[in-house]
Amino acid sequence: MKKWIYLIIVTALVCMFFGGCNKQILDLTYTFNKAIIQLPNGEVIEGKVQSWKYYEGDQLQIVIDGTTYLVHSSDAVLIGG
């Protein structure tokens, strides 16, 4: 009986911890329809995403209108929906 009470208390604490934080624990969004990219010269590219990949080091490879852009993730916005 004590094991069940302990299990219920631990489960409640875990639920409160994950429910109380303002972060997404598991992100399953992999489809993006639109991207906005800022190039080093200040030019802004916006268009429909044909494909995208994430590389270590926070780099994104985004294909818009047949052109491939390799940018740092801080210079790109991927929009889903």
C-alpha atoms as a PDB file:
ATOM      1  CA  MET A   1       0.000   0.000   0.000  1.00  0.00           C
ATOM      2  CA  LYS A   2       2.868   2.389   0.782  1.00  0.00           C
ATOM      3  CA  LYS A   3       4.322   1.793  -2.667  1.00  0.00           C
ATOM      4  CA  TRP A   4       1.065   2.926  -4.307  1.00  0.00           C
ATOM      5  CA  ILE A   5       0.921   6.093  -2.207  1.00  0.00           C
ATOM      6  CA  TYR A   6       4.561   6.835  -3.002  1.00  0.00           C
ATOM      7  CA  LEU A   7       3.898   6.245  -6.719  1.00  0.00           C
ATOM      8  CA  ILE A   8       0.869   8.560  -6.683  1.00  0.00           C
ATOM      9  CA  ILE A   9       2.811  11.317  -4.910  1.00  0.00           C
ATOM     10  CA  VAL A  10       5.763  11.055  -7.308  1.00  0.00           C
ATOM     11  CA  THR A  11       3.443  11.035 -10.324  1.00  0.00           C
ATOM     12  CA  ALA A  12       1.609  14.122  -9.037  1.00  0.00           C
ATOM     13  CA  LEU A  13       4.907  15.965  -8.465  1.00  0.00           C
ATOM     14  CA  VAL A  14       6.159  15.113 -11.943  1.00  0.00           C
ATOM     15  CA  CYS A  15       2.881  16.289 -13.494  1.00  0.00           C
ATOM     16  CA  MET A  16       3.012  19.550 -11.532  1.00  0.00           C
ATOM     17  CA  PHE A  17       6.640  20.109 -12.549  1.00  0.00           C
ATOM     18  CA  PHE A  18       6.047  19.539 -16.263  1.00  0.00           C
ATOM     19  CA  GLY A  19       2.701  21.309 -16.239  1.00  0.00           C
ATOM     20  CA  GLY A  20       4.046  24.328 -14.357  1.00  0.00           C
ATOM     21  CA  CYS A  21       7.010  25.141 -16.558  1.00  0.00           C
ATOM     22  CA  ASN A  22       6.545  27.371 -19.566  1.00  0.00           C
ATOM     23  CA  LYS A  23       8.520  25.213 -21.990  1.00  0.00           C
ATOM     24  CA  GLN A  24       7.577  22.682 -24.580  1.00  0.00           C
ATOM     25  CA  ILE A  25       9.027  19.391 -23.417  1.00  0.00           C
ATOM     26  CA  LEU A  26       8.666  17.477 -26.685  1.00  0.00           C
ATOM     27  CA  ASP A  27       8.587  19.315 -30.002  1.00  0.00           C
ATOM     28  CA  LEU A  28       7.141  17.274 -32.845  1.00  0.00           C
ATOM     29  CA  THR A  29       6.762  20.078 -35.417  1.00  0.00           C
ATOM     30  CA  TYR A  30       8.761  19.200 -38.531  1.00  0.00           C
ATOM     31  CA  THR A  31       6.651  20.744 -41.298  1.00  0.00           C
ATOM     32  CA  PHE A  32       7.064  24.394 -42.190  1.00  0.00           C
ATOM     33  CA  ASN A  33       5.271  26.174 -45.031  1.00  0.00           C
ATOM     34  CA  LYS A  34       7.048  29.527 -45.113  1.00  0.00           C
ATOM     35  CA  ALA A  35      10.490  30.928 -44.284  1.00  0.00           C
ATOM     36  CA  ILE A  36      11.943  34.389 -43.790  1.00  0.00           C
ATOM     37  CA  ILE A  37      15.722  34.630 -44.090  1.00  0.00           C
ATOM     38  CA  GLN A  38      17.991  37.621 -43.519  1.00  0.00           C
ATOM     39  CA  LEU A  39      21.180  37.537 -45.586  1.00  0.00           C
ATOM     40  CA  PRO A  40      24.478  39.135 -44.436  1.00  0.00           C
ATOM     41  CA  ASN A  41      24.002  42.064 -46.856  1.00  0.00           C
ATOM     42  CA  GLY A  42      20.676  42.914 -45.186  1.00  0.00           C
ATOM     43  CA  GLU A  43      18.505  41.460 -47.940  1.00  0.00           C
ATOM     44  CA  VAL A  44      15.438  39.603 -46.700  1.00  0.00           C
ATOM     45  CA  ILE A  45      14.246  36.489 -48.540  1.00  0.00           C
ATOM     46  CA  GLU A  46      10.696  35.293 -47.956  1.00  0.00           C
ATOM     47  CA  GLY A  47       8.961  32.389 -49.626  1.00  0.00           C
ATOM     48  CA  LYS A  48       7.471  28.935 -49.613  1.00  0.00           C
ATOM     49  CA  VAL A  49       9.707  26.237 -48.089  1.00  0.00           C
ATOM     50  CA  GLN A  50      10.356  23.342 -50.455  1.00  0.00           C
ATOM     51  CA  SER A  51      12.626  21.562 -47.966  1.00  0.00           C
ATOM     52  CA  TRP A  52      14.772  22.263 -44.927  1.00  0.00           C
ATOM     53  CA  LYS A  53      17.442  20.539 -42.849  1.00  0.00           C
ATOM     54  CA  TYR A  54      19.039  21.247 -39.486  1.00  0.00           C
ATOM     55  CA  TYR A  55      22.784  20.862 -39.026  1.00  0.00           C
ATOM     56  CA  GLU A  56      24.838  20.861 -35.826  1.00  0.00           C
ATOM     57  CA  GLY A  57      26.135  24.303 -34.965  1.00  0.00           C
ATOM     58  CA  ASP A  58      22.680  25.872 -35.396  1.00  0.00           C
ATOM     59  CA  GLN A  59      22.791  25.972 -39.187  1.00  0.00           C
ATOM     60  CA  LEU A  60      19.711  25.584 -41.357  1.00  0.00           C
ATOM     61  CA  GLN A  61      19.646  24.620 -45.018  1.00  0.00           C
ATOM     62  CA  ILE A  62      16.435  25.985 -46.510  1.00  0.00           C
ATOM     63  CA  VAL A  63      15.305  25.612 -50.132  1.00  0.00           C
ATOM     64  CA  ILE A  64      13.018  28.403 -51.362  1.00  0.00           C
ATOM     65  CA  ASP A  65      11.986  28.618 -55.035  1.00  0.00           C
ATOM     66  CA  GLY A  66      14.769  26.223 -56.053  1.00  0.00           C
ATOM     67  CA  THR A  67      17.515  28.240 -54.323  1.00  0.00           C
ATOM     68  CA  THR A  68      19.342  26.673 -51.375  1.00  0.00           C
ATOM     69  CA  TYR A  69      20.278  28.919 -48.446  1.00  0.00           C
ATOM     70  CA  LEU A  70      22.616  27.837 -45.648  1.00  0.00           C
ATOM     71  CA  VAL A  71      22.093  30.242 -42.751  1.00  0.00           C
ATOM     72  CA  HIS A  72      22.524  30.438 -39.016  1.00  0.00           C
ATOM     73  CA  SER A  73      19.284  29.738 -37.178  1.00  0.00           C
ATOM     74  CA  SER A  74      19.289  33.271 -35.717  1.00  0.00           C
ATOM     75  CA  ASP A  75      18.944  34.633 -39.278  1.00  0.00           C
ATOM     76  CA  ALA A  76      15.922  32.519 -40.244  1.00  0.00           C
ATOM     77  CA  VAL A  77      12.321  32.124 -39.224  1.00  0.00           C
ATOM     78  CA  LEU A  78      10.450  28.960 -40.183  1.00  0.00           C
ATOM     79  CA  ILE A  79       6.664  29.267 -40.090  1.00  0.00           C
ATOM     80  CA  GLY A  80       4.369  26.269 -39.929  1.00  0.00           C
ATOM     81  CA  GLY A  81       0.676  26.028 -40.128  1.00  0.00           C
END
